[in-house]
Every structure is written in structure tokens, then in C-alpha cells.
Amino acid sequence: MPIVQVSDLAKSFQVSASQPGFANALKHFFRRTYRSVDAVKPLSFSIEPGEVVGFLGPNGAGKTTTLKMLTGLIHPSAGTLSVAGHIPFQRHNAFLRRITMVMGNKQQLLWDLPANESFAINGAIYDIPESELQSRIAELSELLNLTKELSQPVRKLSLGERMKCELMASLLHRPEVLFLDEPTLGLDVNAQVAVRNFLREYNRRYNATILLTSHYMADITALCKRVLLIHQGRLFYDGPLAGIIDRFAPYREVKLDLTEPVDRESLAAFGEVESAEGRAASLIIRRELLTDTVQRLLASLPIADLSISDPPIEKIIADLFTQGTMK
């Protein structure tokens, strides 16, 4: 049975419709007008226990609004949803004990206190016995490679260390469902890898369900076998990460190492020229034409080496969002 069930979920907001200019501002002050903005259009999906699902879309697509509805922070305008057997916006204590939400641009730790003090507060809120709390702190700190940092004021920690402490604080009550909104935002490469490894191990150890948004495709490719793609509030893909290539990128990338330079016009006879500089070139060729085109390339050009690969997944998704090639 799905642990997250969403059916025709939608959210609209009423926003001020004031026009620019002093006269319009004065008019709007006495007689306000509003317009409706559809932040999330009807979308449906379900997530099974233990799944790690990527939730992708450009800025303003409706990802954070959807997460806030799933955690009960805002009430949906239409549709139904269930998380861990509860209706989120009712905010029952039993529901709150089973979920957590981490936002990369927000913090819950007290700035001037050591992280351990914030952990003690969270332990009291969730009625975690002291011995059990210390056991969980020790386990999570070992997974995240944190020791002396827990006794330092939060303001003295690096961004990566603070993010690790934020994760610890959010997971002390051992939630079953994790909603993660840009958890590696602003972190350096090493910190990003540490957070990914931690989330992978936490999922394995506790069979936790994770819905993850991120603008770093490395987060998604490292953790998620399944992705949801959302654009302008509407869900347009729900399936395997690898399936995006088959569905939205019916072409391959052919890289050439040449024994001598070849001009772009000559290369264009074989496919779309992605790059051509000196004796290196890259072509985009449709899959159904690949075999014939490679044969022609080898017969016609001074090729020293040739490699064929799928285009980078981040490029495919970026093209989908920027060019509007939704299907």
C-alpha cells in the first residue's frame, strides 16, 4: 500500500492585481482587486514505502508548494492526499511523528547555542527518553562524521556542518517519510557527497521513504531510481530516471577525435554539430540513424577515435524545461 497517495492535488493563490503608477496604487488602496494564480495544477502520484523519488522542475514549477501540502503546512485547493495513513493538513501528532521536512534555505537550529542543545529541545518535543536520544545522536553523528562540532555554537560551524546538524535534528524522532527540499543547497562537493551517502544509508537502514527536490542532478542520479518532473504546476513525467533518455532524448552523442581539423560545414552533413574545436568535435545524431551515420563518418572523415554515449541527463532535463518540449 502506498505511503504517499496524491489524487488531483491542486493549489491556487489569490494575489494582488495592482497596476503600476501612483494613480493605480491609490485606486487599489481603496478598492483592491485580485487574480488567481495556479501554483499547482491537478496532479496525481503515489510512492511506496522505502522508495527514494526525485521531484524535479525549474524555479516556480510548484515543487515546494507540493511539499508544503504533503507536510500539512498549507491546505490544498482541490484534490485528496494521504501520507502515512493521515491527512496532512489535519496536523495530528501521530502524523507529525512519522514525517520530517528539511529545507536547504531554512534552519531550525538555535544560532547561538551548540547543536546538542537544539537536539535536547527536539528530544523533549518528541518525548524521546534521554538514553534513547543519546543513542540516536551517537548513531547519526557517526553516520555524518560529526563529533566536536556538536558542542560548538551553530554560528561557528561551516555551511556543510550546519546542514549535517539540520539533518540530525530532523531525524532524531526517526521519521518514516522524509521530504527534502534542496538539502545540499550551497554545499561544496565534499559536503554534498557526505549528505548523499548519509541519506542512502539512512534509507537502507530504516527503509525510509524520501521525496527529494534538488537542482544538483548529482543528488538525483546518486539516490533516485524514479523521478517526477513538474513544469508550470503540472506533472508531465513519472517513471524511471533512465526512462527520461528513452522518452525525451531519441538521439546519441558522438564524440570524434580527428587526425586533422574538419570545418563545421562538413561535419553538419552527418548530424547536429554540438561542438567543433581543432581536432575534437561532438555531434548529435538520432538513434535510428546512428549505425548508418557512424559508417559514413568512418569512411569520410580522418577519424583517430570515436565514442558514442547518451547525452547527460541534466542536459536533457534542462532542455525540457527551457525549450518547453513537454509531451
C-alpha atoms as a PDB file:
ATOM      1  CA  MET A   1       0.000   0.000   0.000  1.00  0.00           C
ATOM      2  CA  PRO A   2       1.444   3.422  -0.938  1.00  0.00           C
ATOM      3  CA  ILE A   3       2.719   5.512   1.957  1.00  0.00           C
ATOM      4  CA  VAL A   4       2.123   8.697  -0.084  1.00  0.00           C
ATOM      5  CA  GLN A   5      -1.063   8.903  -2.158  1.00  0.00           C
ATOM      6  CA  VAL A   6      -1.953  12.021  -4.162  1.00  0.00           C
ATOM      7  CA  SER A   7      -5.011  12.389  -6.390  1.00  0.00           C
ATOM      8  CA  ASP A   8      -5.848  15.510  -8.437  1.00  0.00           C
ATOM      9  CA  LEU A   9      -3.990  17.704  -5.962  1.00  0.00           C
ATOM     10  CA  ALA A  10      -4.072  21.427  -6.790  1.00  0.00           C
ATOM     11  CA  LYS A  11      -3.293  24.753  -5.145  1.00  0.00           C
ATOM     12  CA  SER A  12      -4.304  28.271  -6.176  1.00  0.00           C
ATOM     13  CA  PHE A  13      -3.447  31.573  -4.516  1.00  0.00           C
ATOM     14  CA  GLN A  14      -5.207  34.920  -4.630  1.00  0.00           C
ATOM     15  CA  VAL A  15      -2.668  37.667  -5.311  1.00  0.00           C
ATOM     16  CA  SER A  16      -2.960  41.419  -5.571  1.00  0.00           C
ATOM     17  CA  ALA A  17      -3.708  42.717  -9.081  1.00  0.00           C
ATOM     18  CA  SER A  18      -2.447  46.258  -8.586  1.00  0.00           C
ATOM     19  CA  GLN A  19      -1.178  48.066 -11.705  1.00  0.00           C
ATOM     20  CA  PRO A  20       1.970  50.249 -11.744  1.00  0.00           C
ATOM     21  CA  GLY A  21       1.679  54.001 -11.266  1.00  0.00           C
ATOM     22  CA  PHE A  22       0.644  56.288  -8.409  1.00  0.00           C
ATOM     23  CA  ALA A  23      -2.972  56.682  -9.561  1.00  0.00           C
ATOM     24  CA  ASN A  24      -3.432  52.911  -9.853  1.00  0.00           C
ATOM     25  CA  ALA A  25      -1.784  52.367  -6.469  1.00  0.00           C
ATOM     26  CA  LEU A  26      -4.150  54.889  -4.876  1.00  0.00           C
ATOM     27  CA  LYS A  27      -7.150  53.293  -6.566  1.00  0.00           C
ATOM     28  CA  HIS A  28      -6.017  49.843  -5.436  1.00  0.00           C
ATOM     29  CA  PHE A  29      -5.635  51.094  -1.849  1.00  0.00           C
ATOM     30  CA  PHE A  30      -9.344  51.905  -1.641  1.00  0.00           C
ATOM     31  CA  ARG A  31     -10.659  49.137  -3.875  1.00  0.00           C
ATOM     32  CA  ARG A  32      -8.475  46.070  -4.017  1.00  0.00           C
ATOM     33  CA  THR A  33      -8.646  43.608  -6.879  1.00  0.00           C
ATOM     34  CA  TYR A  34      -7.169  40.154  -7.008  1.00  0.00           C
ATOM     35  CA  ARG A  35      -6.297  37.482  -9.517  1.00  0.00           C
ATOM     36  CA  SER A  36      -5.946  33.739  -9.089  1.00  0.00           C
ATOM     37  CA  VAL A  37      -2.576  32.035  -9.657  1.00  0.00           C
ATOM     38  CA  ASP A  38      -2.432  28.273 -10.111  1.00  0.00           C
ATOM     39  CA  ALA A  39       0.744  27.237  -8.292  1.00  0.00           C
ATOM     40  CA  VAL A  40      -0.023  23.514  -8.648  1.00  0.00           C
ATOM     41  CA  LYS A  41      -2.422  22.139 -11.241  1.00  0.00           C
ATOM     42  CA  PRO A  42      -4.172  18.802 -10.643  1.00  0.00           C
ATOM     43  CA  LEU A  43      -1.504  16.145 -10.241  1.00  0.00           C
ATOM     44  CA  SER A  44      -1.631  12.533  -9.109  1.00  0.00           C
ATOM     45  CA  PHE A  45       1.060  10.109  -7.984  1.00  0.00           C
ATOM     46  CA  SER A  46       1.822   7.549  -5.293  1.00  0.00           C
ATOM     47  CA  ILE A  47       5.015   6.487  -3.519  1.00  0.00           C
ATOM     48  CA  GLU A  48       5.646   3.095  -1.981  1.00  0.00           C
ATOM     49  CA  PRO A  49       7.341   2.620   1.414  1.00  0.00           C
ATOM     50  CA  GLY A  50      11.120   2.755   1.113  1.00  0.00           C
ATOM     51  CA  GLU A  51      11.203   4.482  -2.278  1.00  0.00           C
ATOM     52  CA  VAL A  52      13.594   7.363  -2.934  1.00  0.00           C
ATOM     53  CA  VAL A  53      11.953   9.607  -5.526  1.00  0.00           C
ATOM     54  CA  GLY A  54      13.355  12.713  -7.179  1.00  0.00           C
ATOM     55  CA  PHE A  55      10.989  15.656  -7.655  1.00  0.00           C
ATOM     56  CA  LEU A  56      12.346  17.912 -10.397  1.00  0.00           C
ATOM     57  CA  GLY A  57      11.307  21.157 -12.008  1.00  0.00           C
ATOM     58  CA  PRO A  58      12.521  24.696 -12.684  1.00  0.00           C
ATOM     59  CA  ASN A  59      12.118  27.506 -10.173  1.00  0.00           C
ATOM     60  CA  GLY A  60       8.440  28.329  -9.710  1.00  0.00           C
ATOM     61  CA  ALA A  61       7.257  24.956 -11.031  1.00  0.00           C
ATOM     62  CA  GLY A  62       5.334  24.136  -7.832  1.00  0.00           C
ATOM     63  CA  LYS A  63       7.731  21.720  -6.093  1.00  0.00           C
ATOM     64  CA  THR A  64       7.936  23.459  -2.724  1.00  0.00           C
ATOM     65  CA  THR A  65       4.195  24.211  -2.730  1.00  0.00           C
ATOM     66  CA  THR A  66       3.530  20.497  -3.280  1.00  0.00           C
ATOM     67  CA  LEU A  67       5.873  19.534  -0.434  1.00  0.00           C
ATOM     68  CA  LYS A  68       4.165  22.017   1.869  1.00  0.00           C
ATOM     69  CA  MET A  69       0.790  20.433   1.086  1.00  0.00           C
ATOM     70  CA  LEU A  70       2.224  16.955   1.693  1.00  0.00           C
ATOM     71  CA  THR A  71       3.510  18.041   5.101  1.00  0.00           C
ATOM     72  CA  GLY A  72       0.319  19.890   6.024  1.00  0.00           C
ATOM     73  CA  LEU A  73       1.838  23.379   6.097  1.00  0.00           C
ATOM     74  CA  ILE A  74      -0.727  24.638   3.590  1.00  0.00           C
ATOM     75  CA  HIS A  75      -4.205  23.444   2.681  1.00  0.00           C
ATOM     76  CA  PRO A  76      -4.813  22.224  -0.885  1.00  0.00           C
ATOM     77  CA  SER A  77      -7.378  23.997  -3.046  1.00  0.00           C
ATOM     78  CA  ALA A  78      -8.583  20.714  -4.561  1.00  0.00           C
ATOM     79  CA  GLY A  79      -7.876  17.012  -4.603  1.00  0.00           C
ATOM     80  CA  THR A  80      -7.073  14.447  -1.951  1.00  0.00           C
ATOM     81  CA  LEU A  81      -3.846  13.288  -0.353  1.00  0.00           C
ATOM     82  CA  SER A  82      -2.705  10.835   2.270  1.00  0.00           C
ATOM     83  CA  VAL A  83       0.725  10.477   3.882  1.00  0.00           C
ATOM     84  CA  ALA A  84       1.458   7.553   6.218  1.00  0.00           C
ATOM     85  CA  GLY A  85      -2.275   6.971   6.563  1.00  0.00           C
ATOM     86  CA  HIS A  86      -3.017  10.565   7.636  1.00  0.00           C
ATOM     87  CA  ILE A  87      -4.491  13.667   6.016  1.00  0.00           C
ATOM     88  CA  PRO A  88      -1.559  16.087   6.309  1.00  0.00           C
ATOM     89  CA  PHE A  89      -3.364  19.398   6.858  1.00  0.00           C
ATOM     90  CA  GLN A  90      -5.093  17.992   9.943  1.00  0.00           C
ATOM     91  CA  ARG A  91      -1.610  18.029  11.547  1.00  0.00           C
ATOM     92  CA  HIS A  92      -2.280  15.230  14.029  1.00  0.00           C
ATOM     93  CA  ASN A  93       0.570  14.486  16.450  1.00  0.00           C
ATOM     94  CA  ALA A  94       0.711  10.893  15.197  1.00  0.00           C
ATOM     95  CA  PHE A  95       1.274  12.220  11.682  1.00  0.00           C
ATOM     96  CA  LEU A  96       3.972  14.721  12.669  1.00  0.00           C
ATOM     97  CA  ARG A  97       5.917  11.977  14.435  1.00  0.00           C
ATOM     98  CA  ARG A  98       6.128   9.985  11.196  1.00  0.00           C
ATOM     99  CA  ILE A  99       7.379  12.685   8.829  1.00  0.00           C
ATOM    100  CA  THR A 100      10.021  15.372   8.571  1.00  0.00           C
ATOM    101  CA  MET A 101      10.777  18.203   6.165  1.00  0.00           C
ATOM    102  CA  VAL A 102      14.226  19.677   5.566  1.00  0.00           C
ATOM    103  CA  MET A 103      14.633  22.855   3.531  1.00  0.00           C
ATOM    104  CA  GLY A 104      18.124  23.821   2.439  1.00  0.00           C
ATOM    105  CA  ASN A 105      17.377  27.534   2.774  1.00  0.00           C
ATOM    106  CA  LYS A 106      15.772  27.325   6.238  1.00  0.00           C
ATOM    107  CA  GLN A 107      17.143  26.371   9.633  1.00  0.00           C
ATOM    108  CA  GLN A 108      15.683  25.136  12.886  1.00  0.00           C
ATOM    109  CA  LEU A 109      18.871  25.125  14.990  1.00  0.00           C
ATOM    110  CA  LEU A 110      19.330  27.927  17.509  1.00  0.00           C
ATOM    111  CA  TRP A 111      22.079  30.155  16.133  1.00  0.00           C
ATOM    112  CA  ASP A 112      23.979  30.938  19.358  1.00  0.00           C
ATOM    113  CA  LEU A 113      23.654  27.527  21.006  1.00  0.00           C
ATOM    114  CA  PRO A 114      25.519  24.278  20.313  1.00  0.00           C
ATOM    115  CA  ALA A 115      23.632  21.823  18.131  1.00  0.00           C
ATOM    116  CA  ASN A 116      23.419  19.449  21.113  1.00  0.00           C
ATOM    117  CA  GLU A 117      21.177  21.957  22.901  1.00  0.00           C
ATOM    118  CA  SER A 118      18.772  22.046  19.948  1.00  0.00           C
ATOM    119  CA  PHE A 119      18.808  18.243  19.884  1.00  0.00           C
ATOM    120  CA  ALA A 120      17.787  18.216  23.557  1.00  0.00           C
ATOM    121  CA  ILE A 121      14.837  20.507  22.750  1.00  0.00           C
ATOM    122  CA  ASN A 122      13.735  18.256  19.887  1.00  0.00           C
ATOM    123  CA  GLY A 123      14.069  15.232  22.142  1.00  0.00           C
ATOM    124  CA  ALA A 124      11.734  16.854  24.677  1.00  0.00           C
ATOM    125  CA  ILE A 125       9.225  17.807  21.978  1.00  0.00           C
ATOM    126  CA  TYR A 126       9.051  14.221  20.712  1.00  0.00           C
ATOM    127  CA  ASP A 127       9.187  12.652  24.196  1.00  0.00           C
ATOM    128  CA  ILE A 128      12.321  10.685  23.390  1.00  0.00           C
ATOM    129  CA  PRO A 129      13.820   9.155  26.557  1.00  0.00           C
ATOM    130  CA  GLU A 130      17.241  10.592  27.384  1.00  0.00           C
ATOM    131  CA  SER A 131      19.114   7.319  26.937  1.00  0.00           C
ATOM    132  CA  GLU A 132      17.426   6.716  23.575  1.00  0.00           C
ATOM    133  CA  LEU A 133      18.096  10.307  22.488  1.00  0.00           C
ATOM    134  CA  GLN A 134      21.799   9.984  23.228  1.00  0.00           C
ATOM    135  CA  SER A 135      21.907   6.664  21.375  1.00  0.00           C
ATOM    136  CA  ARG A 136      20.306   8.239  18.295  1.00  0.00           C
ATOM    137  CA  ILE A 137      22.609  11.271  18.440  1.00  0.00           C
ATOM    138  CA  ALA A 138      25.625   8.954  18.591  1.00  0.00           C
ATOM    139  CA  GLU A 139      24.373   6.879  15.659  1.00  0.00           C
ATOM    140  CA  LEU A 140      23.563   9.865  13.421  1.00  0.00           C
ATOM    141  CA  SER A 141      26.761  11.729  14.303  1.00  0.00           C
ATOM    142  CA  GLU A 142      28.788   8.649  13.364  1.00  0.00           C
ATOM    143  CA  LEU A 143      26.991   8.369  10.025  1.00  0.00           C
ATOM    144  CA  LEU A 144      27.571  12.064   9.340  1.00  0.00           C
ATOM    145  CA  ASN A 145      31.116  12.139  10.735  1.00  0.00           C
ATOM    146  CA  LEU A 146      30.311  14.803  13.339  1.00  0.00           C
ATOM    147  CA  THR A 147      31.936  14.875  16.797  1.00  0.00           C
ATOM    148  CA  LYS A 148      33.283  18.080  18.322  1.00  0.00           C
ATOM    149  CA  GLU A 149      31.074  20.156  16.006  1.00  0.00           C
ATOM    150  CA  LEU A 150      28.014  19.255  18.093  1.00  0.00           C
ATOM    151  CA  SER A 151      29.346  21.158  21.096  1.00  0.00           C
ATOM    152  CA  GLN A 152      30.203  24.343  19.179  1.00  0.00           C
ATOM    153  CA  PRO A 153      27.770  27.241  18.675  1.00  0.00           C
ATOM    154  CA  VAL A 154      25.925  26.774  15.393  1.00  0.00           C
ATOM    155  CA  ARG A 155      27.097  30.184  14.143  1.00  0.00           C
ATOM    156  CA  LYS A 156      30.708  28.930  14.216  1.00  0.00           C
ATOM    157  CA  LEU A 157      30.037  25.911  12.007  1.00  0.00           C
ATOM    158  CA  SER A 158      30.628  25.789   8.272  1.00  0.00           C
ATOM    159  CA  LEU A 159      27.617  25.596   5.954  1.00  0.00           C
ATOM    160  CA  GLY A 160      28.208  21.889   5.368  1.00  0.00           C
ATOM    161  CA  GLU A 161      28.474  21.179   9.100  1.00  0.00           C
ATOM    162  CA  ARG A 162      25.291  23.148   9.783  1.00  0.00           C
ATOM    163  CA  MET A 163      23.424  21.209   7.105  1.00  0.00           C
ATOM    164  CA  LYS A 164      24.524  17.918   8.640  1.00  0.00           C
ATOM    165  CA  CYS A 165      23.304  19.123  12.047  1.00  0.00           C
ATOM    166  CA  GLU A 166      19.997  20.202  10.483  1.00  0.00           C
ATOM    167  CA  LEU A 167      19.575  16.666   9.134  1.00  0.00           C
ATOM    168  CA  MET A 168      20.339  15.213  12.553  1.00  0.00           C
ATOM    169  CA  ALA A 169      17.796  17.462  14.251  1.00  0.00           C
ATOM    170  CA  SER A 170      15.137  16.478  11.698  1.00  0.00           C
ATOM    171  CA  LEU A 171      15.763  12.756  12.063  1.00  0.00           C
ATOM    172  CA  LEU A 172      16.075  12.310  15.829  1.00  0.00           C
ATOM    173  CA  HIS A 173      12.448  11.151  16.043  1.00  0.00           C
ATOM    174  CA  ARG A 174      13.261   8.572  13.325  1.00  0.00           C
ATOM    175  CA  PRO A 175      10.585   9.569  10.771  1.00  0.00           C
ATOM    176  CA  GLU A 176       9.332   7.153   8.126  1.00  0.00           C
ATOM    177  CA  VAL A 177       8.835   9.792   5.422  1.00  0.00           C
ATOM    178  CA  LEU A 178      11.421  12.437   4.551  1.00  0.00           C
ATOM    179  CA  PHE A 179      10.530  15.470   2.436  1.00  0.00           C
ATOM    180  CA  LEU A 180      13.814  17.100   1.429  1.00  0.00           C
ATOM    181  CA  ASP A 181      13.787  20.443  -0.373  1.00  0.00           C
ATOM    182  CA  GLU A 182      17.267  21.284  -1.713  1.00  0.00           C
ATOM    183  CA  PRO A 183      19.159  19.648   1.206  1.00  0.00           C
ATOM    184  CA  THR A 184      22.560  20.214  -0.465  1.00  0.00           C
ATOM    185  CA  LEU A 185      21.910  23.827  -1.499  1.00  0.00           C
ATOM    186  CA  GLY A 186      25.141  25.835  -1.394  1.00  0.00           C
ATOM    187  CA  LEU A 187      27.301  22.981  -0.118  1.00  0.00           C
ATOM    188  CA  ASP A 188      30.712  22.212  -1.561  1.00  0.00           C
ATOM    189  CA  VAL A 189      31.309  18.975  -3.450  1.00  0.00           C
ATOM    190  CA  ASN A 190      32.637  17.038  -0.450  1.00  0.00           C
ATOM    191  CA  ALA A 191      29.704  18.060   1.755  1.00  0.00           C
ATOM    192  CA  GLN A 192      27.233  17.137  -0.985  1.00  0.00           C
ATOM    193  CA  VAL A 193      28.753  13.669  -1.261  1.00  0.00           C
ATOM    194  CA  ALA A 194      28.615  13.226   2.525  1.00  0.00           C
ATOM    195  CA  VAL A 195      24.919  14.156   2.638  1.00  0.00           C
ATOM    196  CA  ARG A 196      24.101  11.806  -0.254  1.00  0.00           C
ATOM    197  CA  ASN A 197      25.933   8.914   1.387  1.00  0.00           C
ATOM    198  CA  PHE A 198      24.129   9.590   4.652  1.00  0.00           C
ATOM    199  CA  LEU A 199      20.690   9.647   3.008  1.00  0.00           C
ATOM    200  CA  ARG A 200      21.445   6.430   1.132  1.00  0.00           C
ATOM    201  CA  GLU A 201      22.468   4.687   4.349  1.00  0.00           C
ATOM    202  CA  TYR A 202      19.503   6.078   6.315  1.00  0.00           C
ATOM    203  CA  ASN A 203      17.132   4.778   3.625  1.00  0.00           C
ATOM    204  CA  ARG A 204      18.804   1.356   3.692  1.00  0.00           C
ATOM    205  CA  ARG A 205      18.889   1.121   7.471  1.00  0.00           C
ATOM    206  CA  TYR A 206      15.325   2.242   8.230  1.00  0.00           C
ATOM    207  CA  ASN A 207      13.509   1.705   4.900  1.00  0.00           C
ATOM    208  CA  ALA A 208      12.663   5.409   4.979  1.00  0.00           C
ATOM    209  CA  THR A 209      10.656   6.913   2.143  1.00  0.00           C
ATOM    210  CA  ILE A 210      12.288  10.002   0.616  1.00  0.00           C
ATOM    211  CA  LEU A 211      10.886  12.637  -1.735  1.00  0.00           C
ATOM    212  CA  LEU A 212      13.805  14.805  -2.813  1.00  0.00           C
ATOM    213  CA  THR A 213      13.977  18.069  -4.745  1.00  0.00           C
ATOM    214  CA  SER A 214      17.333  19.352  -5.919  1.00  0.00           C
ATOM    215  CA  HIS A 215      18.884  21.477  -8.635  1.00  0.00           C
ATOM    216  CA  TYR A 216      22.023  19.330  -8.397  1.00  0.00           C
ATOM    217  CA  MET A 217      21.487  16.424 -10.766  1.00  0.00           C
ATOM    218  CA  ALA A 218      24.247  14.509  -8.976  1.00  0.00           C
ATOM    219  CA  ASP A 219      21.881  14.262  -5.966  1.00  0.00           C
ATOM    220  CA  ILE A 220      19.171  12.736  -8.137  1.00  0.00           C
ATOM    221  CA  THR A 221      21.350  10.334 -10.115  1.00  0.00           C
ATOM    222  CA  ALA A 222      23.090   9.135  -6.937  1.00  0.00           C
ATOM    223  CA  LEU A 223      19.921   8.476  -4.926  1.00  0.00           C
ATOM    224  CA  CYS A 224      16.818   8.175  -7.106  1.00  0.00           C
ATOM    225  CA  LYS A 225      15.752   5.417  -9.467  1.00  0.00           C
ATOM    226  CA  ARG A 226      12.423   7.139 -10.065  1.00  0.00           C
ATOM    227  CA  VAL A 227      11.681  10.792 -10.802  1.00  0.00           C
ATOM    228  CA  LEU A 228       8.661  13.067 -11.036  1.00  0.00           C
ATOM    229  CA  LEU A 229       9.024  16.001 -13.443  1.00  0.00           C
ATOM    230  CA  ILE A 230       6.833  19.055 -12.897  1.00  0.00           C
ATOM    231  CA  HIS A 231       6.553  22.142 -15.104  1.00  0.00           C
ATOM    232  CA  GLN A 232       4.274  25.157 -14.579  1.00  0.00           C
ATOM    233  CA  GLY A 233       2.451  23.291 -11.818  1.00  0.00           C
ATOM    234  CA  ARG A 234       1.690  20.214 -13.909  1.00  0.00           C
ATOM    235  CA  LEU A 235       3.217  16.744 -13.629  1.00  0.00           C
ATOM    236  CA  PHE A 236       4.328  15.523 -17.056  1.00  0.00           C
ATOM    237  CA  TYR A 237       6.591  12.564 -16.284  1.00  0.00           C
ATOM    238  CA  ASP A 238       6.532   9.868 -13.624  1.00  0.00           C
ATOM    239  CA  GLY A 239       8.872   6.975 -14.150  1.00  0.00           C
ATOM    240  CA  PRO A 240      12.417   5.621 -14.063  1.00  0.00           C
ATOM    241  CA  LEU A 241      15.260   8.111 -14.272  1.00  0.00           C
ATOM    242  CA  ALA A 242      16.733   6.104 -17.148  1.00  0.00           C
ATOM    243  CA  GLY A 243      13.403   6.299 -18.979  1.00  0.00           C
ATOM    244  CA  ILE A 244      13.829  10.052 -19.467  1.00  0.00           C
ATOM    245  CA  ILE A 245      16.560   9.351 -22.005  1.00  0.00           C
ATOM    246  CA  ASP A 246      14.397   6.902 -23.961  1.00  0.00           C
ATOM    247  CA  ARG A 247      11.341   9.143 -23.933  1.00  0.00           C
ATOM    248  CA  PHE A 248      12.735  12.644 -24.285  1.00  0.00           C
ATOM    249  CA  ALA A 249      16.147  12.173 -25.918  1.00  0.00           C
ATOM    250  CA  PRO A 250      15.864   9.945 -29.010  1.00  0.00           C
ATOM    251  CA  TYR A 251      19.427  10.773 -30.006  1.00  0.00           C
ATOM    252  CA  ARG A 252      23.015   9.903 -29.080  1.00  0.00           C
ATOM    253  CA  GLU A 253      26.118  11.995 -28.613  1.00  0.00           C
ATOM    254  CA  VAL A 254      29.028  11.044 -30.880  1.00  0.00           C
ATOM    255  CA  LYS A 255      32.445  12.449 -29.948  1.00  0.00           C
ATOM    256  CA  LEU A 256      35.197  12.491 -32.551  1.00  0.00           C
ATOM    257  CA  ASP A 257      38.970  12.726 -32.246  1.00  0.00           C
ATOM    258  CA  LEU A 258      40.293  13.685 -35.679  1.00  0.00           C
ATOM    259  CA  THR A 259      43.780  13.409 -37.146  1.00  0.00           C
ATOM    260  CA  GLU A 260      43.272  16.840 -38.710  1.00  0.00           C
ATOM    261  CA  PRO A 261      40.707  19.640 -38.268  1.00  0.00           C
ATOM    262  CA  VAL A 262      37.403  19.447 -40.170  1.00  0.00           C
ATOM    263  CA  ASP A 263      35.182  22.502 -40.709  1.00  0.00           C
ATOM    264  CA  ARG A 264      31.685  22.683 -39.183  1.00  0.00           C
ATOM    265  CA  GLU A 265      30.011  22.672 -42.606  1.00  0.00           C
ATOM    266  CA  SER A 266      31.477  19.255 -43.409  1.00  0.00           C
ATOM    267  CA  LEU A 267      30.505  17.907 -40.004  1.00  0.00           C
ATOM    268  CA  ALA A 268      26.944  19.226 -40.366  1.00  0.00           C
ATOM    269  CA  ALA A 269      26.348  16.737 -43.186  1.00  0.00           C
ATOM    270  CA  PHE A 270      26.322  13.971 -40.576  1.00  0.00           C
ATOM    271  CA  GLY A 271      24.202  15.498 -37.820  1.00  0.00           C
ATOM    272  CA  GLU A 272      23.776  18.431 -35.464  1.00  0.00           C
ATOM    273  CA  VAL A 273      27.182  19.862 -34.573  1.00  0.00           C
ATOM    274  CA  GLU A 274      27.285  20.372 -30.816  1.00  0.00           C
ATOM    275  CA  SER A 275      30.911  21.500 -30.774  1.00  0.00           C
ATOM    276  CA  ALA A 276      33.909  21.631 -33.107  1.00  0.00           C
ATOM    277  CA  GLU A 277      37.277  22.922 -31.992  1.00  0.00           C
ATOM    278  CA  GLY A 278      40.563  21.920 -33.562  1.00  0.00           C
ATOM    279  CA  ARG A 279      40.699  18.162 -33.927  1.00  0.00           C
ATOM    280  CA  ALA A 280      37.839  17.473 -31.486  1.00  0.00           C
ATOM    281  CA  ALA A 281      34.154  17.514 -32.404  1.00  0.00           C
ATOM    282  CA  SER A 282      30.831  16.387 -30.983  1.00  0.00           C
ATOM    283  CA  LEU A 283      27.716  15.503 -32.994  1.00  0.00           C
ATOM    284  CA  ILE A 284      24.109  14.846 -32.015  1.00  0.00           C
ATOM    285  CA  ILE A 285      22.618  12.020 -34.092  1.00  0.00           C
ATOM    286  CA  ARG A 286      19.165  10.440 -33.938  1.00  0.00           C
ATOM    287  CA  ARG A 287      19.242   6.867 -32.713  1.00  0.00           C
ATOM    288  CA  GLU A 288      17.585   5.337 -35.766  1.00  0.00           C
ATOM    289  CA  LEU A 289      20.253   6.927 -37.986  1.00  0.00           C
ATOM    290  CA  LEU A 290      23.200   6.106 -35.740  1.00  0.00           C
ATOM    291  CA  THR A 291      24.565   2.938 -37.392  1.00  0.00           C
ATOM    292  CA  ASP A 292      24.448   4.311 -40.928  1.00  0.00           C
ATOM    293  CA  THR A 293      25.861   7.691 -39.851  1.00  0.00           C
ATOM    294  CA  VAL A 294      28.802   6.162 -37.981  1.00  0.00           C
ATOM    295  CA  GLN A 295      29.671   4.098 -41.022  1.00  0.00           C
ATOM    296  CA  ARG A 296      29.661   7.209 -43.195  1.00  0.00           C
ATOM    297  CA  LEU A 297      31.753   9.104 -40.659  1.00  0.00           C
ATOM    298  CA  LEU A 298      34.433   6.411 -40.597  1.00  0.00           C
ATOM    299  CA  ALA A 299      34.501   6.234 -44.388  1.00  0.00           C
ATOM    300  CA  SER A 300      34.553  10.007 -44.993  1.00  0.00           C
ATOM    301  CA  LEU A 301      36.491  11.752 -42.204  1.00  0.00           C
ATOM    302  CA  PRO A 302      40.032  11.407 -40.824  1.00  0.00           C
ATOM    303  CA  ILE A 303      38.960   9.859 -37.511  1.00  0.00           C
ATOM    304  CA  ALA A 304      41.515   8.718 -34.933  1.00  0.00           C
ATOM    305  CA  ASP A 305      38.937   7.739 -32.310  1.00  0.00           C
ATOM    306  CA  LEU A 306      35.153   7.765 -31.908  1.00  0.00           C
ATOM    307  CA  SER A 307      32.899   7.305 -28.860  1.00  0.00           C
ATOM    308  CA  ILE A 308      29.118   7.084 -28.524  1.00  0.00           C
ATOM    309  CA  SER A 309      27.138   7.928 -25.369  1.00  0.00           C
ATOM    310  CA  ASP A 310      23.757   9.027 -24.129  1.00  0.00           C
ATOM    311  CA  PRO A 311      23.529  12.779 -23.593  1.00  0.00           C
ATOM    312  CA  PRO A 312      23.962  13.896 -19.948  1.00  0.00           C
ATOM    313  CA  ILE A 313      20.698  13.541 -18.047  1.00  0.00           C
ATOM    314  CA  GLU A 314      20.992  17.100 -16.718  1.00  0.00           C
ATOM    315  CA  LYS A 315      21.166  18.427 -20.291  1.00  0.00           C
ATOM    316  CA  ILE A 316      18.048  16.517 -21.289  1.00  0.00           C
ATOM    317  CA  ILE A 317      16.060  17.824 -18.335  1.00  0.00           C
ATOM    318  CA  ALA A 318      17.344  21.369 -18.818  1.00  0.00           C
ATOM    319  CA  ASP A 319      16.241  21.239 -22.464  1.00  0.00           C
ATOM    320  CA  LEU A 320      12.809  20.001 -21.436  1.00  0.00           C
ATOM    321  CA  PHE A 321      12.288  22.887 -19.053  1.00  0.00           C
ATOM    322  CA  THR A 322      13.825  25.677 -21.152  1.00  0.00           C
ATOM    323  CA  GLN A 323      12.520  24.692 -24.584  1.00  0.00           C
ATOM    324  CA  GLY A 324       9.070  23.580 -23.479  1.00  0.00           C
ATOM    325  CA  THR A 325       9.336  20.211 -25.224  1.00  0.00           C
ATOM    326  CA  MET A 326       6.772  18.571 -22.953  1.00  0.00           C
ATOM    327  CA  LYS A 327       4.909  15.549 -24.267  1.00  0.00           C
END
